[in-house]
Protein backbone atom coordinates (compact mmCIF):
# COMPACT_ATOMS: atom_id res chain seq x y z
CA MET A 1 18.59 6.15 13.16
CA THR A 2 15.25 5.68 14.90
CA THR A 3 11.92 6.67 13.45
CA LEU A 4 10.77 10.03 14.77
CA ASN A 5 7.65 10.23 16.86
CA GLN A 6 4.75 11.35 14.67
CA GLY A 7 2.59 12.43 17.58
CA GLU A 8 0.94 11.04 20.68
CA SER A 9 -2.00 9.38 18.92
CA THR A 10 -2.01 6.27 16.73
CA SER A 11 -4.51 5.48 14.00
CA ILE A 12 -6.34 2.18 13.58
CA TRP A 13 -4.14 1.37 10.58
CA THR A 14 -0.76 2.09 12.16
CA THR A 15 -1.78 0.25 15.32
CA LYS A 16 -2.79 -2.94 13.55
CA GLU A 17 -0.56 -2.95 10.47
CA ASP A 18 3.20 -2.56 10.16
CA SER A 19 4.61 -0.58 7.27
CA LEU A 20 7.32 -2.39 5.36
CA LYS A 21 10.85 -1.50 6.47
CA PHE A 22 13.41 -0.09 4.07
CA PRO A 23 17.05 0.99 4.43
CA ILE A 24 18.39 4.49 4.94
CA LEU A 25 19.99 6.04 1.87
CA ASN A 26 23.73 5.58 2.54
CA GLU A 27 25.16 6.06 -0.95
CA ASP A 28 24.69 8.36 -3.93
CA ILE A 29 22.48 6.93 -6.68
CA ASN A 30 21.20 7.97 -10.12
CA VAL A 31 17.63 7.41 -11.35
CA ASP A 32 15.18 8.88 -13.84
CA VAL A 33 12.72 10.21 -11.24
CA CYS A 34 13.23 10.96 -7.54
CA ILE A 35 10.03 11.13 -5.48
CA VAL A 36 10.19 12.90 -2.13
CA GLY A 37 7.43 11.56 0.13
CA GLY A 38 6.51 7.95 0.82
CA GLY A 39 2.76 8.27 1.29
CA LEU A 40 0.10 7.07 -1.14
CA ALA A 41 0.68 9.90 -3.63
CA GLY A 42 4.42 9.23 -3.82
CA LEU A 43 4.13 5.46 -4.07
CA THR A 44 1.30 5.58 -6.62
CA THR A 45 3.40 7.93 -8.75
CA ALA A 46 6.43 5.65 -8.40
CA TYR A 47 4.35 2.58 -9.26
CA ILE A 48 2.87 4.09 -12.45
CA LEU A 49 6.23 5.50 -13.56
CA SER A 50 7.85 2.10 -12.98
CA LYS A 51 5.25 0.50 -15.23
CA LYS A 52 6.20 3.05 -17.90
CA GLY A 53 9.83 1.98 -17.73
CA GLN A 54 11.18 4.80 -15.55
CA ARG A 55 13.88 4.12 -12.93
CA VAL A 56 12.47 5.57 -9.70
CA CYS A 57 13.58 6.28 -6.16
CA VAL A 58 11.28 7.17 -3.24
CA LEU A 59 12.72 9.07 -0.27
CA GLU A 60 10.74 9.16 2.99
CA GLY A 61 11.76 10.84 6.23
CA PHE A 62 9.89 8.33 8.41
CA ASP A 63 8.33 4.98 7.49
CA ILE A 64 6.20 4.73 4.37
CA ALA A 65 2.62 5.88 5.02
CA ALA A 66 3.66 6.98 8.53
CA GLU A 67 2.28 10.47 8.06
CA GLN A 68 -1.05 11.49 6.51
CA THR A 69 -1.75 8.32 4.52
CA GLY A 70 -1.67 6.30 7.75
CA ARG A 71 -3.82 8.92 9.50
CA SER A 72 -6.59 9.05 6.89
CA THR A 73 -9.90 7.20 6.93
CA ALA A 74 -8.95 5.81 3.49
CA GLN A 75 -11.95 6.84 1.38
CA PHE A 76 -11.81 7.02 -2.42
CA THR A 77 -14.75 9.09 -3.52
CA THR A 78 -16.26 11.41 -6.10
CA VAL A 79 -17.82 13.46 -3.27
CA LEU A 80 -15.49 16.45 -3.00
CA ASP A 81 -14.92 18.79 -0.07
CA GLN A 82 -16.09 21.61 -2.31
CA ARG A 83 -19.60 21.12 -3.68
CA TYR A 84 -19.97 20.73 -7.47
CA PHE A 85 -22.26 23.76 -7.73
CA THR A 86 -19.46 25.84 -6.17
CA LEU A 87 -16.83 24.30 -8.45
CA GLU A 88 -18.99 25.38 -11.40
CA ILE A 89 -18.75 28.97 -10.20
CA LEU A 90 -15.01 28.83 -9.52
CA HIS A 91 -13.87 26.69 -12.45
CA GLY A 92 -16.74 26.70 -14.92
CA LEU A 93 -18.86 23.77 -16.04
CA GLU A 94 -15.92 22.18 -17.87
CA GLY A 95 -13.75 22.47 -14.77
CA ALA A 96 -16.39 20.79 -12.60
CA ARG A 97 -16.77 18.08 -15.24
CA LEU A 98 -13.02 17.42 -15.35
CA ALA A 99 -12.86 17.30 -11.55
CA ALA A 100 -15.61 14.66 -11.45
CA GLU A 101 -14.03 12.76 -14.35
CA SER A 102 -10.59 12.64 -12.72
CA HIS A 103 -11.90 11.38 -9.38
CA HIS A 104 -14.06 8.77 -11.10
CA ALA A 105 -11.05 7.67 -13.18
CA ALA A 106 -8.89 7.48 -10.04
CA ILE A 107 -11.38 5.13 -8.39
CA LYS A 108 -11.31 2.90 -11.46
CA GLU A 109 -7.50 3.01 -11.46
CA VAL A 110 -7.29 1.89 -7.83
CA GLU A 111 -9.62 -1.02 -8.55
CA ALA A 112 -7.57 -2.00 -11.60
CA ILE A 113 -4.25 -1.84 -9.73
CA ILE A 114 -5.51 -3.94 -6.84
CA ARG A 115 -7.08 -6.50 -9.14
CA HIS A 116 -4.10 -6.73 -11.52
CA GLU A 117 -1.44 -6.84 -8.80
CA LYS A 118 -3.53 -9.01 -6.45
CA ILE A 119 -2.99 -6.69 -3.47
CA GLU A 120 -4.84 -7.82 -0.34
CA CYS A 121 -5.98 -4.58 1.30
CA ASN A 122 -9.62 -5.12 2.37
CA LEU A 123 -10.97 -3.28 -0.67
CA GLU A 124 -14.74 -2.67 -0.55
CA LYS A 125 -17.00 -1.02 -3.13
CA ILE A 126 -19.81 0.77 -1.33
CA ASN A 127 -22.30 3.62 -1.56
CA GLY A 128 -21.60 7.09 -0.21
CA TYR A 129 -24.30 9.34 1.28
CA LEU A 130 -24.19 13.13 1.49
CA PHE A 131 -26.86 14.39 3.85
CA ASN A 132 -27.96 17.41 5.79
CA SER A 133 -27.44 17.12 9.54
CA ASN A 134 -30.33 19.33 10.64
CA GLU A 135 -28.14 22.43 10.32
CA VAL A 136 -29.00 25.63 8.44
CA HIS A 137 -26.68 26.62 5.60
CA ASN A 138 -26.97 30.35 4.89
CA TYR A 139 -30.69 30.12 4.20
CA THR A 140 -33.32 31.60 6.52
CA LEU A 141 -37.02 31.40 7.29
CA LYS A 142 -37.43 27.85 6.07
CA SER A 143 -37.64 24.50 7.80
CA ASN A 144 -34.60 22.27 8.04
CA HIS A 145 -36.22 19.74 5.73
CA GLU A 146 -36.85 22.40 3.08
CA LEU A 147 -33.32 23.74 3.46
CA SER A 148 -31.71 20.33 3.14
CA ASP A 149 -33.88 19.46 0.15
CA LYS A 150 -32.93 22.68 -1.66
CA TYR A 151 -29.21 22.35 -0.88
CA LEU A 152 -28.99 18.70 -1.91
CA LYS A 153 -31.14 19.17 -5.02
CA LYS A 154 -28.80 21.94 -6.12
CA GLU A 155 -25.81 19.63 -5.66
CA LEU A 156 -27.58 16.74 -7.43
CA GLU A 157 -28.20 18.88 -10.51
CA ALA A 158 -24.58 20.08 -10.50
CA ALA A 159 -23.26 16.51 -10.11
CA HIS A 160 -25.33 15.41 -13.11
CA ARG A 161 -24.01 18.34 -15.17
CA ALA A 162 -20.50 17.27 -14.14
CA GLY A 163 -21.14 13.81 -15.61
CA LEU A 164 -21.96 11.83 -12.45
CA HIS A 165 -25.24 10.54 -13.82
CA ASP A 166 -25.50 7.61 -11.39
CA VAL A 167 -25.92 9.95 -8.38
CA TYR A 168 -29.50 10.02 -7.12
CA MET A 169 -31.63 11.48 -4.35
CA THR A 170 -33.01 9.14 -1.72
CA ASP A 171 -35.80 10.03 0.70
CA LYS A 172 -34.32 7.91 3.46
CA ILE A 173 -30.84 8.07 4.97
CA PRO A 174 -29.82 4.52 5.99
CA LEU A 175 -29.22 5.82 9.53
CA GLU A 176 -32.27 5.82 11.76
CA THR A 177 -31.12 8.63 14.06
CA PHE A 178 -30.62 11.06 11.17
CA GLY A 179 -34.27 11.48 10.35
CA PRO A 180 -36.14 10.63 7.16
CA GLY A 181 -33.77 12.30 4.69
CA PRO A 182 -33.21 13.35 2.01
CA ALA A 183 -29.68 12.33 1.03
CA LEU A 184 -27.64 12.10 -2.14
CA CYS A 185 -26.38 8.61 -2.91
CA PHE A 186 -23.07 8.31 -4.76
CA PRO A 187 -22.69 4.66 -5.84
CA ASN A 188 -19.42 2.76 -6.33
CA GLN A 189 -17.16 4.53 -3.88
CA LEU A 190 -14.20 2.67 -2.34
CA GLN A 191 -12.66 2.11 1.05
CA LEU A 192 -9.66 -0.01 2.04
CA ASN A 193 -6.79 -0.49 4.48
CA PRO A 194 -4.22 2.14 3.41
CA ILE A 195 -1.17 0.51 5.02
CA LYS A 196 -1.83 -2.81 3.28
CA TYR A 197 -2.36 -1.00 -0.03
CA VAL A 198 0.82 1.07 0.26
CA ASN A 199 2.81 -2.01 1.31
CA GLY A 200 1.55 -3.79 -1.80
CA LEU A 201 2.58 -0.91 -4.07
CA ALA A 202 6.00 -0.74 -2.44
CA GLU A 203 6.70 -4.42 -3.02
CA ILE A 204 5.83 -4.07 -6.71
CA ILE A 205 8.03 -0.97 -7.10
CA LEU A 206 10.99 -2.94 -5.75
CA LYS A 207 10.26 -5.87 -8.07
CA LYS A 208 10.35 -3.46 -11.02
CA GLY A 209 13.81 -2.25 -10.01
CA GLY A 210 12.80 0.84 -8.06
CA HIS A 211 14.43 2.08 -4.84
CA ILE A 212 12.73 3.03 -1.57
CA TYR A 213 14.61 4.59 1.34
CA THR A 214 13.02 5.49 4.67
CA ASN A 215 14.23 7.52 7.66
CA SER A 216 16.05 9.53 4.98
CA HIS A 217 15.04 13.13 5.63
CA VAL A 218 15.43 15.37 2.57
CA ILE A 219 17.08 18.72 3.28
CA GLU A 220 17.42 20.10 -0.26
CA VAL A 221 15.68 19.70 -3.61
CA LYS A 222 17.13 21.21 -6.79
CA GLY A 223 15.83 20.98 -10.34
CA GLY A 224 17.45 21.75 -13.67
CA LYS A 225 20.04 19.86 -15.69
CA SER A 226 21.79 18.56 -12.58
CA ALA A 227 18.68 17.82 -10.55
CA PHE A 228 19.06 16.15 -7.16
CA ALA A 229 17.57 15.55 -3.73
CA GLN A 230 19.96 15.57 -0.80
CA VAL A 231 19.23 13.77 2.47
CA GLU A 232 20.31 14.67 5.98
CA ASN A 233 23.38 12.42 6.03
CA GLY A 234 24.81 14.11 2.92
CA HIS A 235 23.98 11.54 0.24
CA TYR A 236 22.34 12.47 -3.07
CA VAL A 237 19.78 11.06 -5.45
CA ARG A 238 20.58 12.53 -8.86
CA CYS A 239 17.78 12.40 -11.39
CA LYS A 240 16.12 13.80 -14.51
CA SER A 241 12.88 14.78 -12.72
CA ILE A 242 11.81 15.39 -9.12
CA VAL A 243 8.33 14.93 -7.63
CA VAL A 244 7.53 16.34 -4.16
CA THR A 245 4.51 14.66 -2.51
CA THR A 246 5.00 15.71 1.12
CA ASN A 247 1.38 16.81 1.72
CA THR A 248 2.56 20.43 1.63
CA PRO A 249 5.66 21.18 -0.46
CA ILE A 250 8.98 21.38 1.39
CA ASN A 251 10.71 22.86 -1.67
CA ASP A 252 8.57 25.98 -1.93
CA LEU A 253 8.95 29.05 0.26
CA LEU A 254 5.85 31.09 -0.51
CA ALA A 255 4.27 30.68 -3.96
CA ILE A 256 1.94 27.77 -3.18
CA HIS A 257 1.65 28.35 0.56
CA THR A 258 -0.24 31.62 0.04
CA LYS A 259 -2.89 29.69 -1.91
CA GLN A 260 -3.61 27.00 0.66
CA ALA A 261 -3.84 26.45 4.39
CA SER A 262 -3.17 23.56 6.76
CA TYR A 263 -6.06 22.24 8.84
CA THR A 264 -6.05 19.68 11.65
CA THR A 265 -8.79 17.06 11.54
CA TYR A 266 -9.78 14.52 14.23
CA VAL A 267 -10.93 10.90 14.11
CA LEU A 268 -12.50 8.67 16.76
CA GLY A 269 -13.00 4.91 16.56
CA PHE A 270 -15.81 3.16 18.47
CA GLU A 271 -16.75 -0.46 18.94
CA PHE A 272 -19.99 -0.81 16.98
CA PRO A 273 -22.53 -3.66 16.75
CA LYS A 274 -22.37 -5.59 13.51
CA GLN A 275 -25.10 -5.11 10.88
CA THR A 276 -26.48 -2.06 12.68
CA ILE A 277 -26.10 0.33 9.74
CA GLU A 278 -25.39 -0.05 6.04
CA ASN A 279 -21.68 -0.39 5.33
CA ALA A 280 -21.25 2.88 3.48
CA LEU A 281 -19.49 6.24 3.55
CA TYR A 282 -21.36 9.14 5.15
CA TRP A 283 -20.74 12.90 5.02
CA ASP A 284 -22.84 15.68 6.48
CA THR A 285 -23.02 19.30 5.30
CA GLN A 286 -22.14 21.03 8.55
CA ASP A 287 -19.21 23.43 8.87
CA PRO A 288 -16.94 21.94 10.07
CA TYR A 289 -18.33 18.80 8.52
CA HIS A 290 -18.28 15.18 9.72
CA TYR A 291 -17.35 11.99 7.89
CA VAL A 292 -18.09 8.38 8.80
CA ARG A 293 -17.06 4.89 7.69
CA LEU A 294 -17.10 1.34 9.05
CA VAL A 295 -14.14 -0.99 9.42
CA GLN A 296 -15.52 -4.52 9.42
CA LYS A 297 -13.77 -6.99 11.74
CA ASP A 298 -14.39 -10.57 10.59
CA LEU A 299 -13.12 -12.32 13.73
CA GLN A 300 -14.52 -9.83 16.24
CA LEU A 301 -17.96 -9.49 17.81
CA TYR A 302 -18.12 -5.88 16.66
CA ASP A 303 -17.01 -3.58 13.86
CA ILE A 304 -15.20 -0.26 14.26
CA LEU A 305 -17.10 2.95 13.53
CA LEU A 306 -14.75 5.74 12.45
CA VAL A 307 -16.10 9.27 12.87
CA GLY A 308 -14.05 12.30 11.83
CA GLY A 309 -14.29 16.07 11.63
CA GLU A 310 -14.07 19.21 13.78
CA ASP A 311 -11.33 20.64 11.51
CA HIS A 312 -9.53 23.87 12.40
CA ARG A 313 -6.43 25.74 11.21
CA THR A 314 -3.33 23.89 12.41
CA GLY A 315 -1.82 25.43 15.53
CA GLN A 316 -4.83 27.66 16.12
CA ASN A 317 -6.71 25.87 18.87
CA SER A 318 -5.61 26.38 22.46
CA ASP A 319 -7.67 23.43 23.71
CA PRO A 320 -7.79 20.74 20.98
CA GLY A 321 -9.20 18.26 23.50
CA ASN A 322 -12.53 20.03 23.02
CA CYS A 323 -12.48 18.90 19.38
CA TYR A 324 -12.48 15.28 20.50
CA THR A 325 -15.21 16.04 23.04
CA ARG A 326 -17.46 17.70 20.45
CA LEU A 327 -16.80 14.89 17.99
CA GLU A 328 -17.66 12.22 20.56
CA ASN A 329 -20.84 14.05 21.57
CA TRP A 330 -21.89 14.26 17.91
CA ALA A 331 -21.09 10.60 17.30
CA ARG A 332 -22.94 9.30 20.36
CA LYS A 333 -25.97 11.43 19.54
CA LYS A 334 -26.10 10.26 15.93
CA PHE A 335 -24.96 6.68 16.62
CA PRO A 336 -26.39 5.73 20.05
CA SER A 337 -25.26 2.12 19.56
CA SER A 338 -21.62 3.24 19.69
CA GLY A 339 -19.71 1.35 22.33
CA ARG A 340 -16.27 1.72 23.83
CA LEU A 341 -14.05 4.44 22.40
CA ILE A 342 -10.80 2.68 21.50
CA TYR A 343 -9.07 4.91 18.89
CA HIS A 344 -8.41 8.60 18.60
CA TRP A 345 -6.00 10.42 16.34
CA SER A 346 -5.52 13.62 14.36
CA GLY A 347 -4.20 14.37 10.88
CA GLN A 348 -3.40 17.33 8.64
CA VAL A 349 -5.34 18.27 5.52
CA ILE A 350 -4.25 21.02 3.14
CA ASN A 351 -7.12 23.11 1.74
CA SER A 352 -6.64 25.13 -1.45
CA VAL A 353 -8.39 28.49 -1.79
CA ASP A 354 -10.32 27.47 -4.92
CA GLY A 355 -11.42 23.97 -3.92
CA LEU A 356 -9.12 21.85 -6.11
CA ALA A 357 -5.66 20.35 -5.60
CA TYR A 358 -2.43 21.66 -7.09
CA ILE A 359 -0.77 18.92 -9.14
CA GLY A 360 1.89 19.64 -11.73
CA HIS A 361 4.98 21.75 -12.37
CA ASN A 362 6.13 23.66 -9.29
CA PRO A 363 5.65 27.43 -9.83
CA MET A 364 8.82 29.52 -10.28
CA ASP A 365 10.95 26.37 -10.40
CA SER A 366 12.77 24.34 -13.05
CA GLU A 367 10.56 22.55 -15.55
CA ASN A 368 11.51 19.14 -14.17
CA VAL A 369 10.24 19.78 -10.60
CA PHE A 370 6.67 18.71 -9.82
CA VAL A 371 4.46 18.95 -6.74
CA ALA A 372 1.13 17.60 -5.48
CA THR A 373 -0.65 19.41 -2.64
CA GLY A 374 -3.90 21.12 -1.63
CA GLN A 375 -5.81 17.84 -1.57
CA SER A 376 -8.23 18.84 1.21
CA GLY A 377 -10.23 15.90 2.54
CA ASN A 378 -9.90 13.92 -0.70
CA GLY A 379 -6.27 12.91 -0.29
CA MET A 380 -6.74 9.24 -1.19
CA THR A 381 -8.38 9.90 -4.54
CA TYR A 382 -6.09 12.83 -5.31
CA SER A 383 -3.08 10.61 -4.59
CA THR A 384 -4.11 8.39 -7.46
CA ILE A 385 -4.83 11.38 -9.71
CA THR A 386 -1.30 12.57 -8.85
CA GLY A 387 0.25 9.36 -10.11
CA MET A 388 -1.84 9.35 -13.29
CA LEU A 389 -1.25 13.03 -14.13
CA LEU A 390 2.42 13.44 -13.18
CA SER A 391 3.48 10.20 -14.85
CA ASP A 392 2.03 11.57 -18.08
CA LEU A 393 3.72 14.96 -17.71
CA ILE A 394 7.10 13.38 -16.91
CA THR A 395 6.97 10.97 -19.84
CA GLY A 396 5.75 13.63 -22.27
CA ARG A 397 2.21 12.38 -22.69
CA LYS A 398 -0.67 14.85 -22.98
CA ASN A 399 -3.15 14.85 -20.10
CA HIS A 400 -6.31 16.96 -20.28
CA TRP A 401 -6.42 17.40 -16.48
CA GLU A 402 -3.15 19.38 -16.58
CA ILE A 403 -4.68 22.88 -16.83
CA LEU A 404 -7.33 22.23 -14.19
CA TYR A 405 -4.80 21.21 -11.52
CA LYS A 406 -1.93 23.47 -12.63
CA PRO A 407 -0.20 24.73 -9.43
CA SER A 408 0.55 28.17 -10.91
CA ARG A 409 -3.11 28.93 -11.63
CA ILE A 410 -4.66 32.10 -10.24
CA ASN A 411 -8.41 32.01 -9.71
CA TYR A 412 -9.74 35.52 -9.20
CA LEU A 413 -13.16 34.16 -8.23
CA SER A 414 -11.60 32.71 -5.08
CA THR A 415 -10.08 36.05 -4.02
CA GLY A 416 -12.33 36.25 -0.95
CA ASN A 417 -11.09 32.94 0.40
CA PHE A 418 -7.51 33.83 -0.56
CA LEU A 419 -7.69 37.05 1.46
CA LYS A 420 -9.38 35.36 4.40
CA GLU A 421 -6.72 32.66 4.73
CA ASN A 422 -3.78 35.03 4.24
CA ILE A 423 -5.12 37.63 6.65
CA ASN A 424 -5.50 34.80 9.14
CA THR A 425 -1.85 33.86 8.54
CA ILE A 426 -0.61 37.44 8.94
CA ILE A 427 -2.50 37.80 12.23
CA GLN A 428 -0.57 34.83 13.66
CA TYR A 429 2.64 36.88 13.59
CA LYS A 430 1.19 38.86 16.50
CA ASP A 431 2.86 36.28 18.73
CA TRP A 432 6.13 38.12 18.13
CA ILE A 433 4.85 41.11 20.11
CA VAL A 434 2.19 39.64 22.42
CA GLU A 435 3.51 39.06 25.94
CA GLN A 436 4.23 35.36 26.44
CA GLN A 437 3.55 33.42 29.64
CA SER A 438 5.94 33.19 32.59
CA SER A 439 9.28 31.46 32.22
CA ASN A 440 9.03 29.64 35.57
CA LEU A 441 10.12 26.30 34.12
CA ASP A 442 9.50 24.49 37.41
CA GLU A 443 5.76 25.00 36.88
CA ILE A 444 5.65 23.12 33.57
CA PRO A 445 3.83 19.79 34.15
CA PRO A 446 5.62 16.62 33.05
CA ASN A 447 5.19 15.79 29.33
CA GLU A 448 4.03 19.33 28.54
CA GLY A 449 5.48 22.45 26.92
CA ILE A 450 5.15 26.23 26.92
CA VAL A 451 6.42 29.15 24.84
CA TYR A 452 7.91 32.04 26.79
CA ARG A 453 9.93 35.17 26.15
CA ASP A 454 13.56 35.58 27.26
CA GLY A 455 14.47 39.14 26.28
CA MET A 456 14.22 39.21 22.47
CA ARG A 457 14.10 35.43 22.20
CA LEU A 458 10.99 33.26 22.13
CA ILE A 459 11.70 29.86 23.61
CA ALA A 460 9.82 26.56 23.30
CA ALA A 461 10.34 24.65 26.56
CA TYR A 462 9.39 20.97 26.87
CA LYS A 463 9.62 18.90 30.06
CA ASP A 464 9.59 15.12 29.66
CA LYS A 465 7.92 12.78 32.15
CA TYR A 466 11.14 12.48 34.16
CA GLY A 467 11.56 16.24 34.54
CA ASN A 468 14.28 16.75 31.92
CA LEU A 469 13.93 20.06 30.07
CA GLU A 470 14.63 20.78 26.41
CA LEU A 471 14.76 24.38 25.21
CA HIS A 472 14.41 25.19 21.53
CA SER A 473 13.82 28.34 19.56
CA ALA A 474 10.07 28.83 19.21
CA ILE A 475 10.57 30.30 15.72
CA CYS A 476 9.51 28.10 12.80
CA PRO A 477 12.42 27.87 10.31
CA HIS A 478 10.03 28.16 7.35
CA LEU A 479 8.81 31.79 7.57
CA ARG A 480 9.48 32.56 11.23
CA GLY A 481 6.06 32.01 12.74
CA VAL A 482 5.91 31.33 16.49
CA VAL A 483 5.04 27.70 17.23
CA HIS A 484 2.28 26.69 19.67
CA TRP A 485 2.28 23.67 21.97
CA ASN A 486 -0.17 20.91 21.03
CA THR A 487 -1.01 19.16 24.29
CA LEU A 488 -2.80 16.30 22.49
CA GLU A 489 -0.07 15.27 20.06
CA LYS A 490 2.82 16.57 22.21
CA SER A 491 4.07 18.57 19.27
CA TRP A 492 5.01 22.13 18.34
CA ASP A 493 2.64 23.40 15.61
CA CYS A 494 3.15 26.56 13.55
CA PRO A 495 -0.13 28.48 13.14
CA CYS A 496 1.10 30.30 10.02
CA HIS A 497 1.69 27.59 7.40
CA GLY A 498 1.17 24.38 9.39
CA SER A 499 4.72 23.13 9.96
CA ARG A 500 4.87 20.68 12.88
CA PHE A 501 7.71 19.48 15.08
CA ASN A 502 7.75 16.72 17.66
CA CYS A 503 8.30 17.45 21.35
CA ASN A 504 12.07 17.29 20.80
CA GLY A 505 11.97 19.88 18.02
CA LYS A 506 12.36 17.42 15.11
CA VAL A 507 10.43 18.45 12.00
CA MET A 508 7.45 16.17 11.23
CA ASP A 509 5.36 18.11 8.70
CA GLY A 510 6.40 20.79 6.20
CA PRO A 511 6.70 23.26 4.74
CA ALA A 512 9.61 23.54 7.22
CA ILE A 513 12.51 21.40 6.13
CA SER A 514 14.72 21.74 9.24
CA ASP A 515 14.29 21.27 12.99
CA LEU A 516 13.67 23.89 15.66
CA LYS A 517 17.01 25.27 16.77
CA MET A 518 18.25 23.67 20.01
CA ILE A 519 19.12 26.11 22.80
CA SER A 520 19.91 23.81 25.71
CA SER A 521 19.00 20.60 27.50
CA ILE A 522 18.59 20.70 31.27
CA PRO A 523 18.55 17.36 33.12
CA ALA A 524 16.12 16.86 35.97
CA GLN A 525 17.36 17.37 39.48
CA PRO A 526 18.11 13.93 40.97
CA TYR A 527 16.00 12.70 43.85
CA PRO A 528 16.46 9.47 45.83
CA GLU A 529 13.06 8.23 44.74
CA ASP A 530 13.71 8.83 41.01
CA VAL A 531 14.22 5.16 40.11
CA GLU A 532 10.97 4.16 41.78
CA LEU A 533 9.04 7.03 40.16
CA LYS A 534 10.37 6.20 36.69
CA SER A 535 9.19 2.60 36.90
CA GLN A 536 5.78 3.75 38.11
CA HIS A 537 5.39 6.30 35.32
CA GLN A 538 6.07 3.70 32.65
CA ASP A 539 3.01 1.74 33.75
CA VAL A 540 0.57 4.61 34.19
CA VAL A 541 -2.58 4.41 32.04
CA ARG A 542 -4.44 7.69 31.86
CA THR A 543 -8.01 8.09 30.74
CA ASP A 544 -8.05 11.56 29.14
CA TYR A 545 -7.52 12.35 25.47
CA THR A 546 -3.85 13.24 25.88
CA THR A 547 -2.76 9.66 26.53
CA GLU A 548 -1.74 6.56 24.73
CA GLN A 549 -4.84 4.63 23.71
CA ASN A 550 -6.10 1.48 25.35
CA ILE A 551 -6.11 -0.74 22.28
CA TYR A 552 -8.01 -4.02 22.27
């Protein structure tokens, strides 16, 4: 079995680092805990459980860290997507304090793991800066400086109340093009190479007797006394407990998915002169916001500046190339020393309606089934919290973060956001009745796709670069949303709950657990010049954002 294509773009980590290779599950096995999902959350959970004497098995449908872990910018931080003054409103002062405490503890845990296990993963302890980017935030009739000062002062006071007493206000942002300030400085944040870190965890899990299987797509998860996870080839992992860490749960039909939404985020990587700016993490307060980090290259003449942002609901942007354009314009304006653009990629983040992740027992499921999701832009830190919290719950140890992150919680103060996201989802079902574009398949450009109507059927048609056509049902197998073609990643994205499928209809991201239904495959009409054209196409290097990247 070959690894499925995860999209057209490749991150800096997956380009430069190879994930460790593991076998496909080809026999039935029995363990204490089966973990579905081989990203950082799954492997951290497996690592901590192994240290507590549990027999673990990790099942991953691709390579480890091939999905969102390998597409992150790998920041471990106490700066949350939702401001602390808002968390106070939604979860109370104690809730905001526990949120800050858990993220701080996760950072300490990552440091301790790397130090104790001697994992080489380019770990760096640095400052993080939250700053206003000369944008107004729901205040009027005041200067930008006054607005930014008020907003950041409010967050500073809330961060202190939450227990982050080392956070302070600085009058100067260590970025000349961003103006004089102010900014909030969060000391002792972390950044690292996520592939190296995950590889290190995986090696230790194996040494402790754990199992890891990749390219082993899970098609069913069942809790209870006879709990199991079944993979595509029919084999089972039977266990006492199951943990699902697939970014968004593949074992849940509706309960959690009404309380969160999938967003696509974009990252660009630029050559950047060394020692030009402080090596730190940077976040602005725009909506959608931007995030920045440096990747230092010891043997190169330049570092890599990673700039991310321009988030939008997955499957709900008809021209995602504009997101890269806006992001590049922002980056070159704010960082005029930026050189050649050499990386671009996208990833999926899952935003909860009340600003905090869902980590714990899966609602309306057996008591021995656990999930971790809704991690927003703080997936790295939340992955460590997941391992710390779920390992306690599984081994019967009390954890005082349990109530805060309980997946079954209902927060009435977030009703407005709940309604907004779910109304948005309902509106997407309009595609069932809206007239689709023409079914003239000859007009589809090579390496592109369209959705069209054929009587009562909606069909997803993809034409490869040789002219071969593949026709699939355009209906997402999760809750029957109509998929949209993503011309950047060459994928089919569901605008309802964020399921994604590669150009050949193979499921890449949940909550869908199965592929798009195949209708037919139509080979290209043969032409005498086909052989010559094929060899030419293999060597073409395009220069737009829909291409493979020109990697140094």
